[in-house]
Amino acid sequence: MPELFAYTDGACSGNPGPGGWGVLLRAMDGDTIVKEKELQGGEAETTNNRMELLAAINALESLARPSTITVVTDSAYVKNGVTGWIFGWKKNGWKTSGKKPVKNVELWQRLDEAQRRHKVTWEWVKGHAGHPENEHADELARAGMAPFKKKKRA
C-alpha cells in the first residue's frame, strides 16, 4: 500500500490581501512516486493563516476515502493548532484560554471535521528553506493567488 503525503502551503500579498493556497498530494511506494495530484485556490481578501488552513483542509477533503496520510506544512499555526490548541478550544466552546473567540473558527471546525475521517500525522518543515515539495506547494499557492492580485500599471 503506497504512503500518502500532502505538502501544503498558503501565501498572501499583504495580510490581509489577495491570497492563495496550494497542495501537492503524493502517493509513494518507498522512494517511487506512484501518483501525484496538485490542488490550488485563492481569495481576493484574506490572510496568510486562512490560506494555510485552507490548504490543509482541501488536502484532506480531496481524499475520496478514509486514508492514512502525512500532512507536511510550514505553518506552525496550523501544526500547533491542530495537534494541541484545538483540544482546549473545543473543551472551552471554541474560546481561547483568554476566553476570546478563536480566530478562523469556521476553518478550524472544518479542518477538525476533515481530519476525523483519516489517520493524520502532522509534520512541520521550515518554509523557504529548499524543501522541494514545500517549495512546490508554495508555487501552487502563488498560482492560486495570481487571479486575485491587482495588475500593476506600467
N, C-alpha and C. Protein backbone atom coordinates (compact mmCIF):
# COMPACT_ATOMS: atom_id res chain seq x y z
N MET A 1 0.85 -1.19 0.00
CA MET A 1 0.00 0.00 0.00
C MET A 1 0.89 1.25 0.00
N PRO A 2 0.71 2.14 -0.96
CA PRO A 2 1.55 3.34 -1.01
C PRO A 2 1.30 4.26 0.19
N GLU A 3 2.34 4.99 0.58
CA GLU A 3 2.22 6.01 1.62
C GLU A 3 1.72 7.29 0.98
N LEU A 4 0.85 7.99 1.70
CA LEU A 4 0.24 9.22 1.19
C LEU A 4 0.79 10.42 1.94
N PHE A 5 1.17 11.45 1.17
CA PHE A 5 1.68 12.70 1.72
C PHE A 5 0.93 13.87 1.10
N ALA A 6 0.69 14.90 1.91
CA ALA A 6 0.14 16.16 1.41
C ALA A 6 1.09 17.27 1.86
N TYR A 7 1.66 17.96 0.89
CA TYR A 7 2.53 19.11 1.18
C TYR A 7 1.66 20.34 0.94
N THR A 8 1.49 21.15 1.98
CA THR A 8 0.54 22.26 1.91
C THR A 8 1.23 23.59 2.17
N ASP A 9 0.70 24.65 1.54
CA ASP A 9 1.23 25.98 1.79
C ASP A 9 0.17 27.02 1.48
N GLY A 10 0.30 28.15 2.15
CA GLY A 10 -0.55 29.31 1.89
C GLY A 10 0.32 30.50 1.61
N ALA A 11 -0.22 31.45 0.86
CA ALA A 11 0.52 32.68 0.52
C ALA A 11 -0.45 33.84 0.55
N CYS A 12 0.07 35.01 0.88
CA CYS A 12 -0.76 36.20 0.92
C CYS A 12 0.08 37.40 0.52
N SER A 13 -0.49 38.27 -0.30
CA SER A 13 0.19 39.50 -0.70
C SER A 13 -0.45 40.64 0.08
N GLY A 14 0.21 41.00 1.19
CA GLY A 14 -0.44 41.86 2.17
C GLY A 14 -1.14 40.92 3.13
N ASN A 15 -1.40 41.36 4.33
CA ASN A 15 -2.01 40.46 5.31
C ASN A 15 -2.94 41.28 6.19
N PRO A 16 -4.19 41.55 5.78
CA PRO A 16 -4.91 40.87 4.70
C PRO A 16 -4.60 41.42 3.31
N GLY A 17 -5.01 40.63 2.34
CA GLY A 17 -4.83 40.95 0.93
C GLY A 17 -5.20 39.75 0.10
N PRO A 18 -4.88 39.78 -1.20
CA PRO A 18 -5.14 38.60 -2.03
C PRO A 18 -4.26 37.44 -1.57
N GLY A 19 -4.84 36.24 -1.57
CA GLY A 19 -4.09 35.09 -1.09
C GLY A 19 -4.40 33.84 -1.88
N GLY A 20 -3.55 32.84 -1.67
CA GLY A 20 -3.74 31.56 -2.34
C GLY A 20 -3.25 30.42 -1.48
N TRP A 21 -3.72 29.23 -1.80
CA TRP A 21 -3.28 28.02 -1.12
C TRP A 21 -2.91 26.98 -2.17
N GLY A 22 -2.00 26.09 -1.80
CA GLY A 22 -1.57 25.05 -2.72
C GLY A 22 -1.31 23.75 -1.98
N VAL A 23 -1.56 22.65 -2.69
CA VAL A 23 -1.35 21.32 -2.14
C VAL A 23 -0.71 20.43 -3.20
N LEU A 24 0.35 19.75 -2.80
CA LEU A 24 0.93 18.69 -3.61
C LEU A 24 0.62 17.38 -2.89
N LEU A 25 -0.27 16.58 -3.48
CA LEU A 25 -0.60 15.26 -2.93
C LEU A 25 0.27 14.24 -3.64
N ARG A 26 0.86 13.36 -2.85
CA ARG A 26 1.77 12.39 -3.45
C ARG A 26 1.62 11.03 -2.78
N ALA A 27 1.44 10.00 -3.60
CA ALA A 27 1.44 8.62 -3.12
C ALA A 27 2.81 8.04 -3.44
N MET A 28 3.44 7.47 -2.41
CA MET A 28 4.81 6.95 -2.56
C MET A 28 4.86 5.46 -2.24
N ASP A 29 5.64 4.74 -3.03
CA ASP A 29 5.97 3.35 -2.72
C ASP A 29 7.48 3.34 -2.52
N GLY A 30 7.90 3.44 -1.28
CA GLY A 30 9.33 3.61 -0.99
C GLY A 30 9.76 4.98 -1.52
N ASP A 31 10.75 4.99 -2.40
CA ASP A 31 11.24 6.24 -2.99
C ASP A 31 10.58 6.54 -4.34
N THR A 32 9.63 5.71 -4.75
CA THR A 32 9.00 5.86 -6.06
C THR A 32 7.66 6.58 -5.93
N ILE A 33 7.50 7.63 -6.75
CA ILE A 33 6.22 8.34 -6.79
C ILE A 33 5.24 7.51 -7.61
N VAL A 34 4.14 7.09 -6.97
CA VAL A 34 3.14 6.26 -7.63
C VAL A 34 2.11 7.15 -8.32
N LYS A 35 1.71 8.23 -7.63
CA LYS A 35 0.69 9.12 -8.16
C LYS A 35 0.88 10.49 -7.55
N GLU A 36 0.54 11.52 -8.33
CA GLU A 36 0.66 12.89 -7.84
C GLU A 36 -0.54 13.69 -8.29
N LYS A 37 -0.97 14.61 -7.44
CA LYS A 37 -2.09 15.49 -7.77
C LYS A 37 -1.80 16.86 -7.17
N GLU A 38 -2.14 17.91 -7.91
CA GLU A 38 -1.95 19.28 -7.44
C GLU A 38 -3.30 19.95 -7.26
N LEU A 39 -3.42 20.72 -6.17
CA LEU A 39 -4.63 21.48 -5.90
C LEU A 39 -4.22 22.92 -5.60
N GLN A 40 -5.08 23.86 -5.96
CA GLN A 40 -4.80 25.26 -5.63
C GLN A 40 -6.08 26.06 -5.67
N GLY A 41 -6.05 27.19 -4.98
CA GLY A 41 -7.19 28.09 -4.97
C GLY A 41 -6.77 29.39 -4.31
N GLY A 42 -7.71 30.32 -4.22
CA GLY A 42 -7.37 31.59 -3.61
C GLY A 42 -8.59 32.43 -3.35
N GLU A 43 -8.34 33.58 -2.74
CA GLU A 43 -9.39 34.54 -2.40
C GLU A 43 -8.85 35.94 -2.60
N ALA A 44 -9.76 36.87 -2.83
CA ALA A 44 -9.37 38.26 -3.09
C ALA A 44 -8.92 38.99 -1.83
N GLU A 45 -9.54 38.69 -0.70
CA GLU A 45 -9.23 39.40 0.55
C GLU A 45 -9.18 38.38 1.68
N THR A 46 -7.97 38.09 2.15
CA THR A 46 -7.81 37.01 3.12
C THR A 46 -6.53 37.24 3.92
N THR A 47 -6.17 36.25 4.73
CA THR A 47 -4.92 36.31 5.49
C THR A 47 -4.09 35.07 5.21
N ASN A 48 -2.81 35.15 5.54
CA ASN A 48 -1.92 34.02 5.35
C ASN A 48 -2.39 32.81 6.17
N ASN A 49 -2.80 33.05 7.41
CA ASN A 49 -3.25 31.93 8.25
C ASN A 49 -4.47 31.23 7.66
N ARG A 50 -5.41 31.99 7.10
CA ARG A 50 -6.58 31.39 6.46
C ARG A 50 -6.17 30.53 5.27
N MET A 51 -5.20 30.99 4.50
CA MET A 51 -4.75 30.23 3.33
C MET A 51 -4.02 28.96 3.76
N GLU A 52 -3.23 29.03 4.82
CA GLU A 52 -2.56 27.84 5.35
C GLU A 52 -3.60 26.80 5.79
N LEU A 53 -4.63 27.26 6.49
CA LEU A 53 -5.70 26.36 6.92
C LEU A 53 -6.44 25.75 5.73
N LEU A 54 -6.76 26.58 4.73
CA LEU A 54 -7.49 26.07 3.56
C LEU A 54 -6.67 25.05 2.78
N ALA A 55 -5.36 25.21 2.76
CA ALA A 55 -4.52 24.21 2.08
C ALA A 55 -4.67 22.86 2.77
N ALA A 56 -4.56 22.83 4.09
CA ALA A 56 -4.69 21.58 4.83
C ALA A 56 -6.10 20.99 4.69
N ILE A 57 -7.11 21.85 4.79
CA ILE A 57 -8.50 21.40 4.66
C ILE A 57 -8.72 20.77 3.29
N ASN A 58 -8.32 21.46 2.24
CA ASN A 58 -8.55 20.94 0.88
C ASN A 58 -7.77 19.66 0.62
N ALA A 59 -6.59 19.53 1.21
CA ALA A 59 -5.83 18.28 1.06
C ALA A 59 -6.65 17.12 1.61
N LEU A 60 -7.17 17.28 2.82
CA LEU A 60 -7.91 16.19 3.47
C LEU A 60 -9.28 15.97 2.83
N GLU A 61 -9.97 17.05 2.47
CA GLU A 61 -11.29 16.91 1.86
C GLU A 61 -11.22 16.31 0.45
N SER A 62 -10.07 16.37 -0.18
CA SER A 62 -9.95 15.85 -1.55
C SER A 62 -9.83 14.33 -1.59
N LEU A 63 -9.59 13.71 -0.45
CA LEU A 63 -9.41 12.26 -0.41
C LEU A 63 -10.77 11.57 -0.47
N ALA A 64 -10.91 10.66 -1.42
CA ALA A 64 -12.19 10.01 -1.68
C ALA A 64 -12.61 9.05 -0.57
N ARG A 65 -11.64 8.47 0.12
CA ARG A 65 -11.97 7.50 1.17
C ARG A 65 -11.05 7.72 2.38
N PRO A 66 -11.44 7.21 3.54
CA PRO A 66 -10.59 7.35 4.71
C PRO A 66 -9.18 6.82 4.41
N SER A 67 -8.18 7.61 4.80
CA SER A 67 -6.80 7.30 4.44
C SER A 67 -5.86 7.56 5.61
N THR A 68 -4.69 6.96 5.52
CA THR A 68 -3.58 7.28 6.41
C THR A 68 -2.70 8.24 5.62
N ILE A 69 -2.46 9.42 6.17
CA ILE A 69 -1.76 10.46 5.42
C ILE A 69 -0.86 11.27 6.35
N THR A 70 0.25 11.72 5.81
CA THR A 70 1.13 12.66 6.49
C THR A 70 0.94 14.01 5.84
N VAL A 71 0.52 15.01 6.62
CA VAL A 71 0.38 16.38 6.11
C VAL A 71 1.62 17.15 6.55
N VAL A 72 2.32 17.69 5.56
CA VAL A 72 3.55 18.44 5.80
C VAL A 72 3.26 19.91 5.54
N THR A 73 3.43 20.74 6.57
CA THR A 73 3.14 22.16 6.49
C THR A 73 4.31 22.98 7.01
N ASP A 74 4.45 24.19 6.49
CA ASP A 74 5.45 25.11 7.06
C ASP A 74 4.79 26.10 8.01
N SER A 75 3.53 25.85 8.34
CA SER A 75 2.77 26.72 9.23
C SER A 75 2.74 26.16 10.65
N ALA A 76 3.48 26.80 11.56
CA ALA A 76 3.42 26.41 12.97
C ALA A 76 2.01 26.64 13.50
N TYR A 77 1.33 27.67 12.99
CA TYR A 77 -0.05 27.98 13.37
C TYR A 77 -0.96 26.77 13.13
N VAL A 78 -0.89 26.18 11.94
CA VAL A 78 -1.72 25.03 11.61
C VAL A 78 -1.28 23.81 12.43
N LYS A 79 0.00 23.51 12.41
CA LYS A 79 0.51 22.32 13.12
C LYS A 79 0.21 22.39 14.61
N ASN A 80 0.54 23.51 15.26
CA ASN A 80 0.30 23.63 16.70
C ASN A 80 -1.19 23.68 17.02
N GLY A 81 -1.95 24.33 16.14
CA GLY A 81 -3.39 24.42 16.36
C GLY A 81 -4.07 23.07 16.32
N VAL A 82 -3.76 22.28 15.30
CA VAL A 82 -4.48 21.03 15.08
C VAL A 82 -3.97 19.89 15.98
N THR A 83 -2.73 19.99 16.44
CA THR A 83 -2.19 18.93 17.30
C THR A 83 -2.23 19.29 18.78
N GLY A 84 -2.58 20.53 19.11
CA GLY A 84 -2.57 20.94 20.51
C GLY A 84 -3.72 21.84 20.91
N TRP A 85 -3.68 23.06 20.44
CA TRP A 85 -4.64 24.09 20.88
C TRP A 85 -6.09 23.69 20.70
N ILE A 86 -6.38 22.98 19.61
CA ILE A 86 -7.78 22.69 19.26
C ILE A 86 -8.52 21.92 20.36
N PHE A 87 -7.81 21.10 21.13
CA PHE A 87 -8.46 20.31 22.18
C PHE A 87 -9.03 21.23 23.27
N GLY A 88 -8.26 22.22 23.66
CA GLY A 88 -8.72 23.20 24.64
C GLY A 88 -9.82 24.08 24.09
N TRP A 89 -9.67 24.49 22.82
CA TRP A 89 -10.70 25.32 22.20
C TRP A 89 -12.05 24.60 22.21
N LYS A 90 -12.04 23.33 21.82
CA LYS A 90 -13.29 22.56 21.77
C LYS A 90 -13.88 22.42 23.17
N LYS A 91 -13.02 22.14 24.15
CA LYS A 91 -13.47 21.98 25.54
C LYS A 91 -14.07 23.29 26.06
N ASN A 92 -13.51 24.43 25.60
CA ASN A 92 -13.96 25.75 26.06
C ASN A 92 -15.00 26.38 25.15
N GLY A 93 -15.66 25.58 24.32
CA GLY A 93 -16.69 26.13 23.43
C GLY A 93 -16.11 27.04 22.37
N TRP A 94 -14.95 26.66 21.81
CA TRP A 94 -14.26 27.41 20.76
C TRP A 94 -13.85 28.81 21.23
N LYS A 95 -13.39 28.84 22.49
CA LYS A 95 -12.81 30.06 23.05
C LYS A 95 -11.36 29.77 23.41
N THR A 96 -10.52 30.80 23.33
CA THR A 96 -9.11 30.66 23.71
C THR A 96 -9.00 30.57 25.23
N SER A 97 -7.80 30.31 25.72
CA SER A 97 -7.59 30.27 27.18
C SER A 97 -7.89 31.63 27.80
N GLY A 98 -7.80 32.70 27.01
CA GLY A 98 -8.14 34.04 27.47
C GLY A 98 -9.62 34.37 27.32
N LYS A 99 -10.44 33.34 27.02
CA LYS A 99 -11.90 33.46 26.88
C LYS A 99 -12.34 34.29 25.67
N LYS A 100 -11.45 34.46 24.70
CA LYS A 100 -11.78 35.19 23.47
C LYS A 100 -12.18 34.16 22.40
N PRO A 101 -13.03 34.56 21.45
CA PRO A 101 -13.38 33.64 20.36
C PRO A 101 -12.13 33.25 19.55
N VAL A 102 -12.06 32.00 19.15
CA VAL A 102 -10.95 31.51 18.32
C VAL A 102 -11.03 32.18 16.95
N LYS A 103 -9.91 32.73 16.48
CA LYS A 103 -9.88 33.32 15.14
C LYS A 103 -9.97 32.20 14.11
N ASN A 104 -10.66 32.47 13.02
CA ASN A 104 -10.84 31.50 11.92
C ASN A 104 -11.56 30.23 12.39
N VAL A 105 -12.48 30.39 13.34
CA VAL A 105 -13.13 29.24 13.97
C VAL A 105 -13.81 28.33 12.95
N GLU A 106 -14.43 28.91 11.92
CA GLU A 106 -15.13 28.07 10.94
C GLU A 106 -14.16 27.19 10.16
N LEU A 107 -12.95 27.69 9.94
CA LEU A 107 -11.94 26.88 9.25
C LEU A 107 -11.35 25.83 10.18
N TRP A 108 -11.13 26.15 11.44
CA TRP A 108 -10.66 25.15 12.41
C TRP A 108 -11.69 24.03 12.56
N GLN A 109 -12.97 24.39 12.59
CA GLN A 109 -14.01 23.37 12.71
C GLN A 109 -14.05 22.49 11.46
N ARG A 110 -13.86 23.12 10.31
CA ARG A 110 -13.85 22.35 9.05
C ARG A 110 -12.63 21.42 9.01
N LEU A 111 -11.48 21.90 9.46
CA LEU A 111 -10.27 21.07 9.50
C LEU A 111 -10.46 19.92 10.48
N ASP A 112 -11.05 20.20 11.62
CA ASP A 112 -11.30 19.17 12.62
C ASP A 112 -12.19 18.07 12.03
N GLU A 113 -13.23 18.49 11.32
CA GLU A 113 -14.14 17.53 10.68
C GLU A 113 -13.43 16.74 9.58
N ALA A 114 -12.63 17.43 8.77
CA ALA A 114 -11.93 16.77 7.66
C ALA A 114 -10.94 15.72 8.15
N GLN A 115 -10.23 16.03 9.24
CA GLN A 115 -9.23 15.07 9.69
C GLN A 115 -9.84 13.90 10.46
N ARG A 116 -11.08 14.06 10.91
CA ARG A 116 -11.75 12.99 11.67
C ARG A 116 -11.89 11.72 10.83
N ARG A 117 -12.01 11.86 9.52
CA ARG A 117 -12.19 10.70 8.62
C ARG A 117 -10.89 9.93 8.39
N HIS A 118 -9.77 10.55 8.72
CA HIS A 118 -8.47 9.99 8.34
C HIS A 118 -7.58 9.75 9.55
N LYS A 119 -6.50 9.01 9.32
CA LYS A 119 -5.43 8.87 10.31
C LYS A 119 -4.32 9.81 9.83
N VAL A 120 -4.22 10.96 10.50
CA VAL A 120 -3.33 12.02 10.03
C VAL A 120 -2.13 12.18 10.96
N THR A 121 -0.96 12.23 10.35
CA THR A 121 0.26 12.62 11.05
C THR A 121 0.62 14.00 10.53
N TRP A 122 0.91 14.91 11.44
CA TRP A 122 1.25 16.29 11.07
C TRP A 122 2.74 16.51 11.23
N GLU A 123 3.37 17.06 10.19
CA GLU A 123 4.80 17.39 10.24
C GLU A 123 5.00 18.84 9.87
N TRP A 124 5.93 19.49 10.57
CA TRP A 124 6.29 20.87 10.25
C TRP A 124 7.66 20.88 9.58
N VAL A 125 7.79 21.69 8.52
CA VAL A 125 9.09 21.94 7.89
C VAL A 125 9.30 23.44 7.81
N LYS A 126 10.53 23.84 7.84
CA LYS A 126 10.85 25.27 7.71
C LYS A 126 10.53 25.70 6.28
N GLY A 127 9.77 26.79 6.16
CA GLY A 127 9.40 27.30 4.84
C GLY A 127 10.54 28.03 4.17
N HIS A 128 10.53 28.04 2.86
CA HIS A 128 11.53 28.76 2.05
C HIS A 128 12.95 28.37 2.44
N ALA A 129 13.12 27.06 2.69
CA ALA A 129 14.43 26.56 3.10
C ALA A 129 14.92 25.46 2.16
N GLY A 130 14.35 25.42 0.95
CA GLY A 130 14.83 24.48 -0.05
C GLY A 130 14.20 23.09 0.01
N HIS A 131 13.16 22.90 0.81
CA HIS A 131 12.45 21.62 0.84
C HIS A 131 11.65 21.53 -0.47
N PRO A 132 12.02 20.63 -1.39
CA PRO A 132 11.44 20.64 -2.74
C PRO A 132 9.91 20.60 -2.79
N GLU A 133 9.30 19.73 -2.00
CA GLU A 133 7.84 19.62 -2.04
C GLU A 133 7.16 20.84 -1.41
N ASN A 134 7.77 21.40 -0.37
CA ASN A 134 7.24 22.62 0.23
C ASN A 134 7.36 23.78 -0.75
N GLU A 135 8.46 23.86 -1.46
CA GLU A 135 8.64 24.91 -2.47
C GLU A 135 7.60 24.76 -3.58
N HIS A 136 7.31 23.51 -3.95
CA HIS A 136 6.30 23.26 -4.99
C HIS A 136 4.92 23.69 -4.51
N ALA A 137 4.59 23.37 -3.24
CA ALA A 137 3.31 23.80 -2.67
C ALA A 137 3.23 25.33 -2.64
N ASP A 138 4.35 25.98 -2.36
CA ASP A 138 4.40 27.45 -2.37
C ASP A 138 4.12 27.99 -3.77
N GLU A 139 4.68 27.36 -4.79
CA GLU A 139 4.41 27.78 -6.18
C GLU A 139 2.93 27.63 -6.50
N LEU A 140 2.33 26.54 -6.05
CA LEU A 140 0.89 26.33 -6.28
C LEU A 140 0.06 27.39 -5.56
N ALA A 141 0.46 27.73 -4.33
CA ALA A 141 -0.25 28.77 -3.57
C ALA A 141 -0.15 30.11 -4.28
N ARG A 142 1.02 30.43 -4.80
CA ARG A 142 1.19 31.70 -5.52
C ARG A 142 0.37 31.71 -6.81
N ALA A 143 0.29 30.56 -7.46
CA ALA A 143 -0.55 30.45 -8.67
C ALA A 143 -2.03 30.60 -8.30
N GLY A 144 -2.43 30.07 -7.15
CA GLY A 144 -3.80 30.22 -6.68
C GLY A 144 -4.15 31.65 -6.34
N MET A 145 -3.14 32.41 -5.91
CA MET A 145 -3.33 33.82 -5.56
C MET A 145 -3.35 34.71 -6.80
N ALA A 146 -2.66 34.32 -7.85
CA ALA A 146 -2.44 35.16 -9.03
C ALA A 146 -3.70 35.83 -9.60
N PRO A 147 -4.82 35.10 -9.75
CA PRO A 147 -6.01 35.75 -10.33
C PRO A 147 -6.58 36.88 -9.47
N PHE A 148 -6.19 36.94 -8.21
CA PHE A 148 -6.76 37.91 -7.29
C PHE A 148 -5.86 39.13 -7.07
N LYS A 149 -4.63 39.04 -7.59
CA LYS A 149 -3.70 40.17 -7.42
C LYS A 149 -4.04 41.25 -8.43
N LYS A 150 -3.96 42.47 -7.99
CA LYS A 150 -4.20 43.61 -8.88
C LYS A 150 -3.03 43.73 -9.85
N LYS A 151 -3.36 44.02 -11.09
CA LYS A 151 -2.32 44.21 -12.10
C LYS A 151 -1.66 45.58 -11.86
N LYS A 152 -0.33 45.59 -11.91
CA LYS A 152 0.38 46.87 -11.76
C LYS A 152 0.43 47.58 -13.11
N ARG A 153 0.21 48.87 -13.05
CA ARG A 153 0.26 49.67 -14.29
C ARG A 153 1.69 50.03 -14.60
N ALA A 154 1.99 50.08 -15.87
CA ALA A 154 3.35 50.39 -16.31
C ALA A 154 3.60 51.89 -16.23
